[in-house]
């Protein structure tokens, strides 16, 4: 699982810098967070928003027969 390091961390478990994304198991993350509570936060999933449906309606059309 991917986690984001909230602050610089160094111990016998390892060393990380703030803002770094690490890929560790849930058990390893629990060990880091026991040593320094809250140092690893689960990375929010990046979701791609679907594009809005294509709007085929003509918004600005010319009137038929109006030749000013």
PDB file of N, CA and C in Angstrom:
ATOM      1  N   UNK A   1       0.835  -1.163   0.000  1.00  0.00           N
ATOM      2  CA  UNK A   1       0.000   0.000   0.000  1.00  0.00           C
ATOM      3  C   UNK A   1       0.889   1.238   0.000  1.00  0.00           C
ATOM      4  N   UNK A   2       0.407   2.327  -0.600  1.00  0.00           N
ATOM      5  CA  UNK A   2       1.203   3.544  -0.671  1.00  0.00           C
ATOM      6  C   UNK A   2       0.795   4.507   0.436  1.00  0.00           C
ATOM      7  N   UNK A   3       1.814   5.116   1.052  1.00  0.00           N
ATOM      8  CA  UNK A   3       1.620   6.061   2.145  1.00  0.00           C
ATOM      9  C   UNK A   3       2.433   7.316   1.860  1.00  0.00           C
ATOM     10  N   UNK A   4       1.992   8.443   2.413  1.00  0.00           N
ATOM     11  CA  UNK A   4       2.718   9.708   2.304  1.00  0.00           C
ATOM     12  C   UNK A   4       3.320  10.004   3.671  1.00  0.00           C
ATOM     13  N   UNK A   5       4.620  10.327   3.682  1.00  0.00           N
ATOM     14  CA  UNK A   5       5.329  10.643   4.915  1.00  0.00           C
ATOM     15  C   UNK A   5       4.987  12.080   5.310  1.00  0.00           C
ATOM     16  N   UNK A   6       4.508  12.277   6.541  1.00  0.00           N
ATOM     17  CA  UNK A   6       4.041  13.583   6.999  1.00  0.00           C
ATOM     18  C   UNK A   6       5.175  14.471   7.514  1.00  0.00           C
ATOM     19  N   UNK A   7       6.249  13.896   8.015  1.00  0.00           N
ATOM     20  CA  UNK A   7       7.414  14.658   8.477  1.00  0.00           C
ATOM     21  C   UNK A   7       8.643  13.760   8.365  1.00  0.00           C
ATOM     22  N   UNK A   8       9.826  14.360   8.455  1.00  0.00           N
ATOM     23  CA  UNK A   8      11.064  13.590   8.368  1.00  0.00           C
ATOM     24  C   UNK A   8      11.073  12.536   9.474  1.00  0.00           C
ATOM     25  N   UNK A   9      11.492  11.328   9.114  1.00  0.00           N
ATOM     26  CA  UNK A   9      11.453  10.209  10.044  1.00  0.00           C
ATOM     27  C   UNK A   9      12.729   9.404   9.901  1.00  0.00           C
ATOM     28  N   UNK A  10      13.333   9.048  11.041  1.00  0.00           N
ATOM     29  CA  UNK A  10      14.526   8.198  11.026  1.00  0.00           C
ATOM     30  C   UNK A  10      14.497   7.315  12.270  1.00  0.00           C
ATOM     31  N   UNK A  11      14.711   6.022  12.060  1.00  0.00           N
ATOM     32  CA  UNK A  11      14.809   5.074  13.171  1.00  0.00           C
ATOM     33  C   UNK A  11      15.511   3.825  12.660  1.00  0.00           C
ATOM     34  N   UNK A  12      15.534   2.815  13.490  1.00  0.00           N
ATOM     35  CA  UNK A  12      16.134   1.555  13.050  1.00  0.00           C
ATOM     36  C   UNK A  12      15.288   0.890  11.964  1.00  0.00           C
ATOM     37  N   UNK A  13      14.008   1.311  11.844  1.00  0.00           N
ATOM     38  CA  UNK A  13      13.133   0.782  10.790  1.00  0.00           C
ATOM     39  C   UNK A  13      13.502   1.330   9.418  1.00  0.00           C
ATOM     40  N   UNK A  14      14.009   2.563   9.382  1.00  0.00           N
ATOM     41  CA  UNK A  14      14.354   3.198   8.113  1.00  0.00           C
ATOM     42  C   UNK A  14      14.321   4.703   8.242  1.00  0.00           C
ATOM     43  N   UNK A  15      14.545   5.391   7.116  1.00  0.00           N
ATOM     44  CA  UNK A  15      14.539   6.855   7.113  1.00  0.00           C
ATOM     45  C   UNK A  15      13.740   7.342   5.908  1.00  0.00           C
ATOM     46  N   UNK A  16      12.889   8.331   6.150  1.00  0.00           N
ATOM     47  CA  UNK A  16      12.070   8.913   5.096  1.00  0.00           C
ATOM     48  C   UNK A  16      12.096  10.426   5.234  1.00  0.00           C
ATOM     49  N   UNK A  17      11.826  11.116   4.135  1.00  0.00           N
ATOM     50  CA  UNK A  17      11.733  12.574   4.173  1.00  0.00           C
ATOM     51  C   UNK A  17      10.281  12.994   4.005  1.00  0.00           C
ATOM     52  N   UNK A  18       9.961  14.167   4.505  1.00  0.00           N
ATOM     53  CA  UNK A  18       8.596  14.687   4.448  1.00  0.00           C
ATOM     54  C   UNK A  18       8.113  14.791   3.001  1.00  0.00           C
ATOM     55  N   UNK A  19       6.891  14.344   2.737  1.00  0.00           N
ATOM     56  CA  UNK A  19       6.295  14.411   1.415  1.00  0.00           C
ATOM     57  C   UNK A  19       6.613  13.228   0.528  1.00  0.00           C
ATOM     58  N   UNK A  20       7.508  12.376   0.941  1.00  0.00           N
ATOM     59  CA  UNK A  20       7.888  11.198   0.160  1.00  0.00           C
ATOM     60  C   UNK A  20       6.744  10.191   0.151  1.00  0.00           C
ATOM     61  N   UNK A  21       6.551   9.509  -0.971  1.00  0.00           N
ATOM     62  CA  UNK A  21       5.569   8.437  -1.076  1.00  0.00           C
ATOM     63  C   UNK A  21       6.311   7.116  -0.936  1.00  0.00           C
ATOM     64  N   UNK A  22       5.860   6.296   0.006  1.00  0.00           N
ATOM     65  CA  UNK A  22       6.512   5.008   0.241  1.00  0.00           C
ATOM     66  C   UNK A  22       5.507   3.886   0.025  1.00  0.00           C
ATOM     67  N   UNK A  23       6.004   2.759  -0.423  1.00  0.00           N
ATOM     68  CA  UNK A  23       5.163   1.586  -0.655  1.00  0.00           C
ATOM     69  C   UNK A  23       5.572   0.523   0.360  1.00  0.00           C
ATOM     70  N   UNK A  24       4.791   0.385   1.427  1.00  0.00           N
ATOM     71  CA  UNK A  24       5.079  -0.572   2.489  1.00  0.00           C
ATOM     72  C   UNK A  24       3.814  -1.366   2.791  1.00  0.00           C
ATOM     73  N   UNK A  25       4.006  -2.474   3.498  1.00  0.00           N
ATOM     74  CA  UNK A  25       2.842  -3.281   3.892  1.00  0.00           C
ATOM     75  C   UNK A  25       2.111  -2.595   5.039  1.00  0.00           C
ATOM     76  N   UNK A  26       0.894  -3.039   5.295  1.00  0.00           N
ATOM     77  CA  UNK A  26       0.111  -2.469   6.391  1.00  0.00           C
ATOM     78  C   UNK A  26       0.786  -2.720   7.739  1.00  0.00           C
ATOM     79  N   UNK A  27       1.442  -3.882   7.896  1.00  0.00           N
ATOM     80  CA  UNK A  27       2.132  -4.206   9.136  1.00  0.00           C
ATOM     81  C   UNK A  27       3.323  -3.274   9.344  1.00  0.00           C
ATOM     82  N   UNK A  28       4.088  -3.009   8.277  1.00  0.00           N
ATOM     83  CA  UNK A  28       5.223  -2.087   8.378  1.00  0.00           C
ATOM     84  C   UNK A  28       4.749  -0.678   8.703  1.00  0.00           C
ATOM     85  N   UNK A  29       3.667  -0.241   8.052  1.00  0.00           N
ATOM     86  CA  UNK A  29       3.122   1.090   8.313  1.00  0.00           C
ATOM     87  C   UNK A  29       2.659   1.204   9.757  1.00  0.00           C
ATOM     88  N   UNK A  30       2.059   0.145  10.289  1.00  0.00           N
ATOM     89  CA  UNK A  30       1.617   0.158  11.680  1.00  0.00           C
ATOM     90  C   UNK A  30       2.820   0.281  12.617  1.00  0.00           C
ATOM     91  N   UNK A  31       3.933  -0.379  12.274  1.00  0.00           N
ATOM     92  CA  UNK A  31       5.145  -0.290  13.096  1.00  0.00           C
ATOM     93  C   UNK A  31       5.700   1.133  13.075  1.00  0.00           C
ATOM     94  N   UNK A  32       5.738   1.762  11.897  1.00  0.00           N
ATOM     95  CA  UNK A  32       6.214   3.151  11.807  1.00  0.00           C
ATOM     96  C   UNK A  32       5.314   4.071  12.620  1.00  0.00           C
ATOM     97  N   UNK A  33       4.003   3.877  12.500  1.00  0.00           N
ATOM     98  CA  UNK A  33       3.060   4.742  13.210  1.00  0.00           C
ATOM     99  C   UNK A  33       3.042   4.477  14.718  1.00  0.00           C
ATOM    100  N   UNK A  34       3.414   3.275  15.166  1.00  0.00           N
ATOM    101  CA  UNK A  34       3.563   3.034  16.610  1.00  0.00           C
ATOM    102  C   UNK A  34       4.774   3.797  17.141  1.00  0.00           C
ATOM    103  N   UNK A  35       5.839   3.816  16.333  1.00  0.00           N
ATOM    104  CA  UNK A  35       7.057   4.510  16.738  1.00  0.00           C
ATOM    105  C   UNK A  35       6.871   6.028  16.718  1.00  0.00           C
ATOM    106  N   UNK A  36       6.178   6.541  15.711  1.00  0.00           N
ATOM    107  CA  UNK A  36       5.931   7.982  15.565  1.00  0.00           C
ATOM    108  C   UNK A  36       4.498   8.143  15.059  1.00  0.00           C
ATOM    109  N   UNK A  37       3.530   8.272  15.979  1.00  0.00           N
ATOM    110  CA  UNK A  37       2.118   8.288  15.592  1.00  0.00           C
ATOM    111  C   UNK A  37       1.778   9.332  14.520  1.00  0.00           C
ATOM    112  N   UNK A  38       1.193   8.851  13.417  1.00  0.00           N
ATOM    113  CA  UNK A  38       0.743   9.726  12.344  1.00  0.00           C
ATOM    114  C   UNK A  38       1.773  10.042  11.287  1.00  0.00           C
ATOM    115  N   UNK A  39       2.971   9.442  11.375  1.00  0.00           N
ATOM    116  CA  UNK A  39       4.014   9.775  10.391  1.00  0.00           C
ATOM    117  C   UNK A  39       3.630   9.310   8.988  1.00  0.00           C
ATOM    118  N   UNK A  40       2.890   8.214   8.871  1.00  0.00           N
ATOM    119  CA  UNK A  40       2.458   7.727   7.554  1.00  0.00           C
ATOM    120  C   UNK A  40       0.949   7.857   7.430  1.00  0.00           C
ATOM    121  N   UNK A  41       0.510   8.470   6.341  1.00  0.00           N
ATOM    122  CA  UNK A  41      -0.915   8.588   6.031  1.00  0.00           C
ATOM    123  C   UNK A  41      -1.149   7.897   4.699  1.00  0.00           C
ATOM    124  N   UNK A  42      -2.266   7.203   4.589  1.00  0.00           N
ATOM    125  CA  UNK A  42      -2.597   6.506   3.340  1.00  0.00           C
ATOM    126  C   UNK A  42      -2.729   7.529   2.225  1.00  0.00           C
ATOM    127  N   UNK A  43      -2.101   7.232   1.097  1.00  0.00           N
ATOM    128  CA  UNK A  43      -2.160   8.126  -0.056  1.00  0.00           C
ATOM    129  C   UNK A  43      -3.576   8.124  -0.632  1.00  0.00           C
ATOM    130  N   UNK A  44      -4.163   9.320  -0.786  1.00  0.00           N
ATOM    131  CA  UNK A  44      -5.502   9.347  -1.391  1.00  0.00           C
ATOM    132  C   UNK A  44      -5.430   8.889  -2.844  1.00  0.00           C
ATOM    133  N   UNK A  45      -6.433   8.157  -3.238  1.00  0.00           N
ATOM    134  CA  UNK A  45      -6.467   7.662  -4.615  1.00  0.00           C
ATOM    135  C   UNK A  45      -6.702   8.817  -5.564  1.00  0.00           C
ATOM    136  N   UNK A  46      -5.937   8.821  -6.623  1.00  0.00           N
ATOM    137  CA  UNK A  46      -6.151   9.852  -7.632  1.00  0.00           C
ATOM    138  C   UNK A  46      -7.176   9.328  -8.620  1.00  0.00           C
ATOM    139  N   UNK A  47      -8.262  10.026  -8.715  1.00  0.00           N
ATOM    140  CA  UNK A  47      -9.339   9.598  -9.606  1.00  0.00           C
ATOM    141  C   UNK A  47      -9.410  10.543 -10.793  1.00  0.00           C
ATOM    142  N   UNK A  48      -9.618   9.976 -11.938  1.00  0.00           N
ATOM    143  CA  UNK A  48      -9.795  10.773 -13.147  1.00  0.00           C
ATOM    144  C   UNK A  48     -11.288  10.982 -13.317  1.00  0.00           C
ATOM    145  N   UNK A  49     -11.684  12.227 -13.270  1.00  0.00           N
ATOM    146  CA  UNK A  49     -13.096  12.552 -13.436  1.00  0.00           C
ATOM    147  C   UNK A  49     -13.482  12.351 -14.900  1.00  0.00           C
ATOM    148  N   UNK A  50     -14.601  11.701 -15.161  1.00  0.00           N
ATOM    149  CA  UNK A  50     -15.021  11.531 -16.547  1.00  0.00           C
ATOM    150  C   UNK A  50     -15.400  12.875 -17.155  1.00  0.00           C
ATOM    151  N   UNK A  51     -15.156  13.000 -18.436  1.00  0.00           N
ATOM    152  CA  UNK A  51     -15.493  14.243 -19.137  1.00  0.00           C
ATOM    153  C   UNK A  51     -17.007  14.381 -19.204  1.00  0.00           C
ATOM    154  N   UNK A  52     -17.501  15.603 -19.113  1.00  0.00           N
ATOM    155  CA  UNK A  52     -18.950  15.769 -19.219  1.00  0.00           C
ATOM    156  C   UNK A  52     -19.421  15.337 -20.609  1.00  0.00           C
ATOM    157  N   UNK A  53     -20.661  14.906 -20.730  1.00  0.00           N
ATOM    158  CA  UNK A  53     -21.150  14.483 -22.046  1.00  0.00           C
ATOM    159  C   UNK A  53     -21.111  15.642 -23.035  1.00  0.00           C
ATOM    160  N   UNK A  54     -20.822  15.313 -24.267  1.00  0.00           N
ATOM    161  CA  UNK A  54     -20.739  16.323 -25.313  1.00  0.00           C
ATOM    162  C   UNK A  54     -22.123  16.926 -25.540  1.00  0.00           C
ATOM    163  N   UNK A  55     -22.198  18.243 -25.483  1.00  0.00           N
ATOM    164  CA  UNK A  55     -23.468  18.947 -25.657  1.00  0.00           C
ATOM    165  C   UNK A  55     -23.608  19.329 -27.123  1.00  0.00           C
ATOM    166  N   UNK A  56     -24.521  18.697 -27.837  1.00  0.00           N
ATOM    167  CA  UNK A  56     -24.687  18.941 -29.265  1.00  0.00           C
ATOM    168  C   UNK A  56     -25.638  20.080 -29.560  1.00  0.00           C
ATOM    169  N   UNK A  57     -26.251  20.658 -28.550  1.00  0.00           N
ATOM    170  CA  UNK A  57     -27.210  21.727 -28.769  1.00  0.00           C
ATOM    171  C   UNK A  57     -26.497  22.975 -29.305  1.00  0.00           C
ATOM    172  N   UNK A  58     -27.072  23.582 -30.326  1.00  0.00           N
ATOM    173  CA  UNK A  58     -26.502  24.799 -30.896  1.00  0.00           C
ATOM    174  C   UNK A  58     -26.952  25.968 -30.030  1.00  0.00           C
ATOM    175  N   UNK A  59     -25.996  26.655 -29.425  1.00  0.00           N
ATOM    176  CA  UNK A  59     -26.315  27.727 -28.494  1.00  0.00           C
ATOM    177  C   UNK A  59     -26.466  29.080 -29.205  1.00  0.00           C
ATOM    178  N   UNK A  60     -25.645  29.306 -30.201  1.00  0.00           N
ATOM    179  CA  UNK A  60     -25.699  30.593 -30.907  1.00  0.00           C
ATOM    180  C   UNK A  60     -25.859  30.328 -32.398  1.00  0.00           C
ATOM    181  N   UNK A  61     -27.072  30.312 -32.838  1.00  0.00           N
ATOM    182  CA  UNK A  61     -27.316  30.077 -34.262  1.00  0.00           C
ATOM    183  C   UNK A  61     -27.868  31.347 -34.902  1.00  0.00           C
ATOM    184  N   UNK A  62     -27.746  31.384 -36.209  1.00  0.00           N
ATOM    185  CA  UNK A  62     -28.315  32.523 -36.943  1.00  0.00           C
ATOM    186  C   UNK A  62     -29.752  32.185 -37.299  1.00  0.00           C
ATOM    187  N   UNK A  63     -30.587  33.211 -37.318  1.00  0.00           N
ATOM    188  CA  UNK A  63     -31.982  32.979 -37.670  1.00  0.00           C
ATOM    189  C   UNK A  63     -32.108  32.823 -39.173  1.00  0.00           C
ATOM    190  N   UNK A  64     -32.988  31.949 -39.573  1.00  0.00           N
ATOM    191  CA  UNK A  64     -33.224  31.744 -40.996  1.00  0.00           C
ATOM    192  C   UNK A  64     -34.035  32.910 -41.541  1.00  0.00           C
ATOM    193  N   UNK A  65     -33.643  33.410 -42.644  1.00  0.00           N
ATOM    194  CA  UNK A  65     -34.422  34.436 -43.329  1.00  0.00           C
ATOM    195  C   UNK A  65     -34.231  35.837 -42.791  1.00  0.00           C
ATOM    196  N   UNK A  66     -33.412  36.043 -41.785  1.00  0.00           N
ATOM    197  CA  UNK A  66     -33.204  37.402 -41.300  1.00  0.00           C
ATOM    198  C   UNK A  66     -31.928  37.939 -41.947  1.00  0.00           C
ATOM    199  N   UNK A  67     -32.123  38.686 -43.013  1.00  0.00           N
ATOM    200  CA  UNK A  67     -30.991  39.276 -43.728  1.00  0.00           C
ATOM    201  C   UNK A  67     -31.062  40.777 -43.554  1.00  0.00           C
ATOM    202  N   UNK A  68     -30.531  41.280 -42.506  1.00  0.00           N
ATOM    203  CA  UNK A  68     -30.588  42.705 -42.209  1.00  0.00           C
ATOM    204  C   UNK A  68     -29.738  43.512 -43.130  1.00  0.00           C
TER     205      UNK A  68
END
